[in-house]
Amino acid sequence: MHFIIDAMHCDGCARGVTRAVQRVDATAQITIDIPSRRVDVSTTVDSASIAAALDAAGFPPRLA
């Protein structure tokens, strides 16, 4: 699944995004591109759960 996170601006934000996803699925594969604010997540967890975790962490996503 692919998300755009407009609130992600730096490496610290990327770490926060990673932690939020890993709280839902510790084995998720996460690829982050800060300049485009794109986050790609490979997981068996549904996208709504990942989006809710990101939103709760202060990184509201939108689907890419």
PDB file of N, CA and C in Angstrom:
ATOM      1  N   MET A   1       0.843  -1.166   0.000  1.00  0.00           N
ATOM      2  CA  MET A   1       0.000   0.000   0.000  1.00  0.00           C
ATOM      3  C   MET A   1       0.891   1.233   0.000  1.00  0.00           C
ATOM      4  N   HIS A   2       0.362   2.293  -0.524  1.00  0.00           N
ATOM      5  CA  HIS A   2       1.141   3.518  -0.695  1.00  0.00           C
ATOM      6  C   HIS A   2       0.384   4.687  -0.058  1.00  0.00           C
ATOM      7  N   PHE A   3       1.127   5.486   0.695  1.00  0.00           N
ATOM      8  CA  PHE A   3       0.543   6.650   1.346  1.00  0.00           C
ATOM      9  C   PHE A   3       1.356   7.889   1.021  1.00  0.00           C
ATOM     10  N   ILE A   4       0.714   9.029   1.062  1.00  0.00           N
ATOM     11  CA  ILE A   4       1.387  10.326   1.039  1.00  0.00           C
ATOM     12  C   ILE A   4       1.159  10.934   2.414  1.00  0.00           C
ATOM     13  N   ILE A   5       2.234  11.377   3.043  1.00  0.00           N
ATOM     14  CA  ILE A   5       2.132  11.983   4.368  1.00  0.00           C
ATOM     15  C   ILE A   5       2.706  13.387   4.279  1.00  0.00           C
ATOM     16  N   ASP A   6       1.825  14.351   4.154  1.00  0.00           N
ATOM     17  CA  ASP A   6       2.246  15.742   3.973  1.00  0.00           C
ATOM     18  C   ASP A   6       3.016  16.271   5.180  1.00  0.00           C
ATOM     19  N   ALA A   7       2.777  15.719   6.378  1.00  0.00           N
ATOM     20  CA  ALA A   7       3.435  16.199   7.593  1.00  0.00           C
ATOM     21  C   ALA A   7       4.835  15.609   7.789  1.00  0.00           C
ATOM     22  N   MET A   8       5.308  14.804   6.870  1.00  0.00           N
ATOM     23  CA  MET A   8       6.623  14.172   6.988  1.00  0.00           C
ATOM     24  C   MET A   8       7.652  15.027   6.245  1.00  0.00           C
ATOM     25  N   HIS A   9       8.577  15.623   7.013  1.00  0.00           N
ATOM     26  CA  HIS A   9       9.528  16.559   6.411  1.00  0.00           C
ATOM     27  C   HIS A   9      10.999  16.201   6.624  1.00  0.00           C
ATOM     28  N   CYS A  10      11.284  15.259   7.544  1.00  0.00           N
ATOM     29  CA  CYS A  10      12.687  15.022   7.896  1.00  0.00           C
ATOM     30  C   CYS A  10      12.895  13.571   8.322  1.00  0.00           C
ATOM     31  N   ASP A  11      14.140  13.233   8.636  1.00  0.00           N
ATOM     32  CA  ASP A  11      14.462  11.880   9.082  1.00  0.00           C
ATOM     33  C   ASP A  11      13.748  11.539  10.385  1.00  0.00           C
ATOM     34  N   GLY A  12      13.601  12.520  11.280  1.00  0.00           N
ATOM     35  CA  GLY A  12      12.884  12.281  12.531  1.00  0.00           C
ATOM     36  C   GLY A  12      11.437  11.906  12.272  1.00  0.00           C
ATOM     37  N   CYS A  13      10.823  12.587  11.328  1.00  0.00           N
ATOM     38  CA  CYS A  13       9.438  12.250  10.941  1.00  0.00           C
ATOM     39  C   CYS A  13       9.393  10.837  10.370  1.00  0.00           C
ATOM     40  N   ALA A  14      10.354  10.509   9.540  1.00  0.00           N
ATOM     41  CA  ALA A  14      10.392   9.174   8.930  1.00  0.00           C
ATOM     42  C   ALA A  14      10.515   8.102  10.003  1.00  0.00           C
ATOM     43  N   ARG A  15      11.302   8.360  11.040  1.00  0.00           N
ATOM     44  CA  ARG A  15      11.420   7.398  12.139  1.00  0.00           C
ATOM     45  C   ARG A  15      10.086   7.261  12.874  1.00  0.00           C
ATOM     46  N   GLY A  16       9.385   8.383  13.065  1.00  0.00           N
ATOM     47  CA  GLY A  16       8.073   8.335  13.705  1.00  0.00           C
ATOM     48  C   GLY A  16       7.071   7.547  12.890  1.00  0.00           C
ATOM     49  N   VAL A  17       7.100   7.727  11.590  1.00  0.00           N
ATOM     50  CA  VAL A  17       6.222   6.979  10.687  1.00  0.00           C
ATOM     51  C   VAL A  17       6.545   5.481  10.776  1.00  0.00           C
ATOM     52  N   THR A  18       7.812   5.154  10.753  1.00  0.00           N
ATOM     53  CA  THR A  18       8.237   3.755  10.847  1.00  0.00           C
ATOM     54  C   THR A  18       7.767   3.138  12.155  1.00  0.00           C
ATOM     55  N   ARG A  19       7.961   3.833  13.261  1.00  0.00           N
ATOM     56  CA  ARG A  19       7.525   3.312  14.560  1.00  0.00           C
ATOM     57  C   ARG A  19       6.013   3.093  14.596  1.00  0.00           C
ATOM     58  N   ALA A  20       5.265   4.033  14.031  1.00  0.00           N
ATOM     59  CA  ALA A  20       3.804   3.909  14.031  1.00  0.00           C
ATOM     60  C   ALA A  20       3.355   2.669  13.270  1.00  0.00           C
ATOM     61  N   VAL A  21       3.959   2.430  12.111  1.00  0.00           N
ATOM     62  CA  VAL A  21       3.603   1.250  11.320  1.00  0.00           C
ATOM     63  C   VAL A  21       4.018  -0.018  12.057  1.00  0.00           C
ATOM     64  N   GLN A  22       5.199  -0.012  12.649  1.00  0.00           N
ATOM     65  CA  GLN A  22       5.699  -1.214  13.318  1.00  0.00           C
ATOM     66  C   GLN A  22       4.930  -1.539  14.596  1.00  0.00           C
ATOM     67  N   ARG A  23       4.233  -0.570  15.170  1.00  0.00           N
ATOM     68  CA  ARG A  23       3.370  -0.870  16.321  1.00  0.00           C
ATOM     69  C   ARG A  23       2.200  -1.762  15.900  1.00  0.00           C
ATOM     70  N   VAL A  24       1.781  -1.616  14.655  1.00  0.00           N
ATOM     71  CA  VAL A  24       0.669  -2.418  14.138  1.00  0.00           C
ATOM     72  C   VAL A  24       1.188  -3.741  13.565  1.00  0.00           C
ATOM     73  N   ASP A  25       2.333  -3.692  12.897  1.00  0.00           N
ATOM     74  CA  ASP A  25       2.934  -4.893  12.302  1.00  0.00           C
ATOM     75  C   ASP A  25       4.449  -4.761  12.371  1.00  0.00           C
ATOM     76  N   ALA A  26       5.032  -5.452  13.341  1.00  0.00           N
ATOM     77  CA  ALA A  26       6.480  -5.371  13.554  1.00  0.00           C
ATOM     78  C   ALA A  26       7.283  -5.910  12.377  1.00  0.00           C
ATOM     79  N   THR A  27       6.656  -6.701  11.512  1.00  0.00           N
ATOM     80  CA  THR A  27       7.379  -7.286  10.385  1.00  0.00           C
ATOM     81  C   THR A  27       7.120  -6.554   9.066  1.00  0.00           C
ATOM     82  N   ALA A  28       6.400  -5.459   9.115  1.00  0.00           N
ATOM     83  CA  ALA A  28       6.087  -4.705   7.892  1.00  0.00           C
ATOM     84  C   ALA A  28       7.373  -4.219   7.228  1.00  0.00           C
ATOM     85  N   GLN A  29       7.378  -4.241   5.910  1.00  0.00           N
ATOM     86  CA  GLN A  29       8.481  -3.686   5.128  1.00  0.00           C
ATOM     87  C   GLN A  29       8.075  -2.266   4.738  1.00  0.00           C
ATOM     88  N   ILE A  30       8.900  -1.292   5.098  1.00  0.00           N
ATOM     89  CA  ILE A  30       8.547   0.114   4.908  1.00  0.00           C
ATOM     90  C   ILE A  30       9.622   0.798   4.078  1.00  0.00           C
ATOM     91  N   THR A  31       9.200   1.488   3.037  1.00  0.00           N
ATOM     92  CA  THR A  31      10.104   2.283   2.212  1.00  0.00           C
ATOM     93  C   THR A  31       9.598   3.722   2.258  1.00  0.00           C
ATOM     94  N   ILE A  32      10.492   4.639   2.602  1.00  0.00           N
ATOM     95  CA  ILE A  32      10.100   6.035   2.763  1.00  0.00           C
ATOM     96  C   ILE A  32      10.926   6.911   1.831  1.00  0.00           C
ATOM     97  N   ASP A  33      10.250   7.801   1.127  1.00  0.00           N
ATOM     98  CA  ASP A  33      10.909   8.809   0.292  1.00  0.00           C
ATOM     99  C   ASP A  33      10.480  10.176   0.829  1.00  0.00           C
ATOM    100  N   ILE A  34      11.363  10.793   1.606  1.00  0.00           N
ATOM    101  CA  ILE A  34      11.021  12.056   2.269  1.00  0.00           C
ATOM    102  C   ILE A  34      10.710  13.175   1.278  1.00  0.00           C
ATOM    103  N   PRO A  35      11.521  13.398   0.233  1.00  0.00           N
ATOM    104  CA  PRO A  35      11.213  14.521  -0.672  1.00  0.00           C
ATOM    105  C   PRO A  35       9.813  14.449  -1.299  1.00  0.00           C
ATOM    106  N   SER A  36       9.363  13.248  -1.637  1.00  0.00           N
ATOM    107  CA  SER A  36       8.031  13.121  -2.232  1.00  0.00           C
ATOM    108  C   SER A  36       6.959  12.850  -1.172  1.00  0.00           C
ATOM    109  N   ARG A  37       7.409  12.657   0.079  1.00  0.00           N
ATOM    110  CA  ARG A  37       6.523  12.362   1.218  1.00  0.00           C
ATOM    111  C   ARG A  37       5.743  11.062   1.017  1.00  0.00           C
ATOM    112  N   ARG A  38       6.322  10.135   0.286  1.00  0.00           N
ATOM    113  CA  ARG A  38       5.672   8.861  -0.041  1.00  0.00           C
ATOM    114  C   ARG A  38       6.162   7.767   0.909  1.00  0.00           C
ATOM    115  N   VAL A  39       5.224   6.962   1.365  1.00  0.00           N
ATOM    116  CA  VAL A  39       5.526   5.815   2.220  1.00  0.00           C
ATOM    117  C   VAL A  39       4.893   4.581   1.591  1.00  0.00           C
ATOM    118  N   ASP A  40       5.707   3.588   1.328  1.00  0.00           N
ATOM    119  CA  ASP A  40       5.229   2.313   0.800  1.00  0.00           C
ATOM    120  C   ASP A  40       5.338   1.281   1.914  1.00  0.00           C
ATOM    121  N   VAL A  41       4.254   0.578   2.171  1.00  0.00           N
ATOM    122  CA  VAL A  41       4.213  -0.404   3.252  1.00  0.00           C
ATOM    123  C   VAL A  41       3.774  -1.740   2.682  1.00  0.00           C
ATOM    124  N   SER A  42       4.580  -2.757   2.942  1.00  0.00           N
ATOM    125  CA  SER A  42       4.226  -4.122   2.575  1.00  0.00           C
ATOM    126  C   SER A  42       3.886  -4.849   3.874  1.00  0.00           C
ATOM    127  N   THR A  43       2.614  -5.224   4.026  1.00  0.00           N
ATOM    128  CA  THR A  43       2.138  -5.831   5.259  1.00  0.00           C
ATOM    129  C   THR A  43       0.890  -6.661   4.972  1.00  0.00           C
ATOM    130  N   THR A  44       0.557  -7.526   5.909  1.00  0.00           N
ATOM    131  CA  THR A  44      -0.684  -8.293   5.802  1.00  0.00           C
ATOM    132  C   THR A  44      -1.824  -7.580   6.536  1.00  0.00           C
ATOM    133  N   VAL A  45      -1.501  -6.500   7.228  1.00  0.00           N
ATOM    134  CA  VAL A  45      -2.505  -5.716   7.953  1.00  0.00           C
ATOM    135  C   VAL A  45      -3.246  -4.821   6.961  1.00  0.00           C
ATOM    136  N   ASP A  46      -4.536  -4.602   7.203  1.00  0.00           N
ATOM    137  CA  ASP A  46      -5.322  -3.790   6.265  1.00  0.00           C
ATOM    138  C   ASP A  46      -4.894  -2.325   6.302  1.00  0.00           C
ATOM    139  N   SER A  47      -5.121  -1.633   5.198  1.00  0.00           N
ATOM    140  CA  SER A  47      -4.671  -0.246   5.058  1.00  0.00           C
ATOM    141  C   SER A  47      -5.351   0.686   6.062  1.00  0.00           C
ATOM    142  N   ALA A  48      -6.590   0.396   6.443  1.00  0.00           N
ATOM    143  CA  ALA A  48      -7.285   1.243   7.416  1.00  0.00           C
ATOM    144  C   ALA A  48      -6.582   1.221   8.773  1.00  0.00           C
ATOM    145  N   SER A  49      -6.077   0.066   9.173  1.00  0.00           N
ATOM    146  CA  SER A  49      -5.360  -0.037  10.450  1.00  0.00           C
ATOM    147  C   SER A  49      -4.037   0.711  10.400  1.00  0.00           C
ATOM    148  N   ILE A  50      -3.333   0.611   9.290  1.00  0.00           N
ATOM    149  CA  ILE A  50      -2.070   1.335   9.131  1.00  0.00           C
ATOM    150  C   ILE A  50      -2.343   2.838   9.119  1.00  0.00           C
ATOM    151  N   ALA A  51      -3.346   3.252   8.366  1.00  0.00           N
ATOM    152  CA  ALA A  51      -3.694   4.675   8.299  1.00  0.00           C
ATOM    153  C   ALA A  51      -4.088   5.208   9.670  1.00  0.00           C
ATOM    154  N   ALA A  52      -4.839   4.436  10.440  1.00  0.00           N
ATOM    155  CA  ALA A  52      -5.251   4.865  11.782  1.00  0.00           C
ATOM    156  C   ALA A  52      -4.041   5.024  12.698  1.00  0.00           C
ATOM    157  N   ALA A  53      -3.076   4.111  12.596  1.00  0.00           N
ATOM    158  CA  ALA A  53      -1.867   4.200  13.414  1.00  0.00           C
ATOM    159  C   ALA A  53      -1.044   5.430  13.042  1.00  0.00           C
ATOM    160  N   LEU A  54      -0.940   5.706  11.752  1.00  0.00           N
ATOM    161  CA  LEU A  54      -0.204   6.891  11.306  1.00  0.00           C
ATOM    162  C   LEU A  54      -0.897   8.162  11.776  1.00  0.00           C
ATOM    163  N   ASP A  55      -2.208   8.199  11.660  1.00  0.00           N
ATOM    164  CA  ASP A  55      -2.972   9.366  12.091  1.00  0.00           C
ATOM    165  C   ASP A  55      -2.804   9.592  13.592  1.00  0.00           C
ATOM    166  N   ALA A  56      -2.888   8.522  14.377  1.00  0.00           N
ATOM    167  CA  ALA A  56      -2.735   8.629  15.830  1.00  0.00           C
ATOM    168  C   ALA A  56      -1.349   9.124  16.228  1.00  0.00           C
ATOM    169  N   ALA A  57      -0.349   8.827  15.391  1.00  0.00           N
ATOM    170  CA  ALA A  57       1.026   9.255  15.666  1.00  0.00           C
ATOM    171  C   ALA A  57       1.294  10.686  15.198  1.00  0.00           C
ATOM    172  N   GLY A  58       0.285  11.323  14.609  1.00  0.00           N
ATOM    173  CA  GLY A  58       0.469  12.698  14.152  1.00  0.00           C
ATOM    174  C   GLY A  58       0.895  12.831  12.710  1.00  0.00           C
ATOM    175  N   PHE A  59       0.766  11.755  11.957  1.00  0.00           N
ATOM    176  CA  PHE A  59       1.142  11.748  10.548  1.00  0.00           C
ATOM    177  C   PHE A  59      -0.043  11.317   9.688  1.00  0.00           C
ATOM    178  N   PRO A  60      -1.067  12.164   9.588  1.00  0.00           N
ATOM    179  CA  PRO A  60      -2.256  11.757   8.832  1.00  0.00           C
ATOM    180  C   PRO A  60      -1.901  11.455   7.371  1.00  0.00           C
ATOM    181  N   PRO A  61      -2.231  10.255   6.925  1.00  0.00           N
ATOM    182  CA  PRO A  61      -1.889   9.864   5.544  1.00  0.00           C
ATOM    183  C   PRO A  61      -3.057  10.056   4.591  1.00  0.00           C
ATOM    184  N   ARG A  62      -2.698  10.070   3.334  1.00  0.00           N
ATOM    185  CA  ARG A  62      -3.714   9.930   2.291  1.00  0.00           C
ATOM    186  C   ARG A  62      -3.179   8.871   1.342  1.00  0.00           C
ATOM    187  N   LEU A  63      -4.073   8.105   0.765  1.00  0.00           N
ATOM    188  CA  LEU A  63      -3.647   7.041  -0.146  1.00  0.00           C
ATOM    189  C   LEU A  63      -3.041   7.634  -1.399  1.00  0.00           C
ATOM    190  N   ALA A  64      -1.947   7.042  -1.839  1.00  0.00           N
ATOM    191  CA  ALA A  64      -1.281   7.516  -3.051  1.00  0.00           C
ATOM    192  C   ALA A  64      -1.849   6.825  -4.256  1.00  0.00           C
TER     193      ALA A  64
END
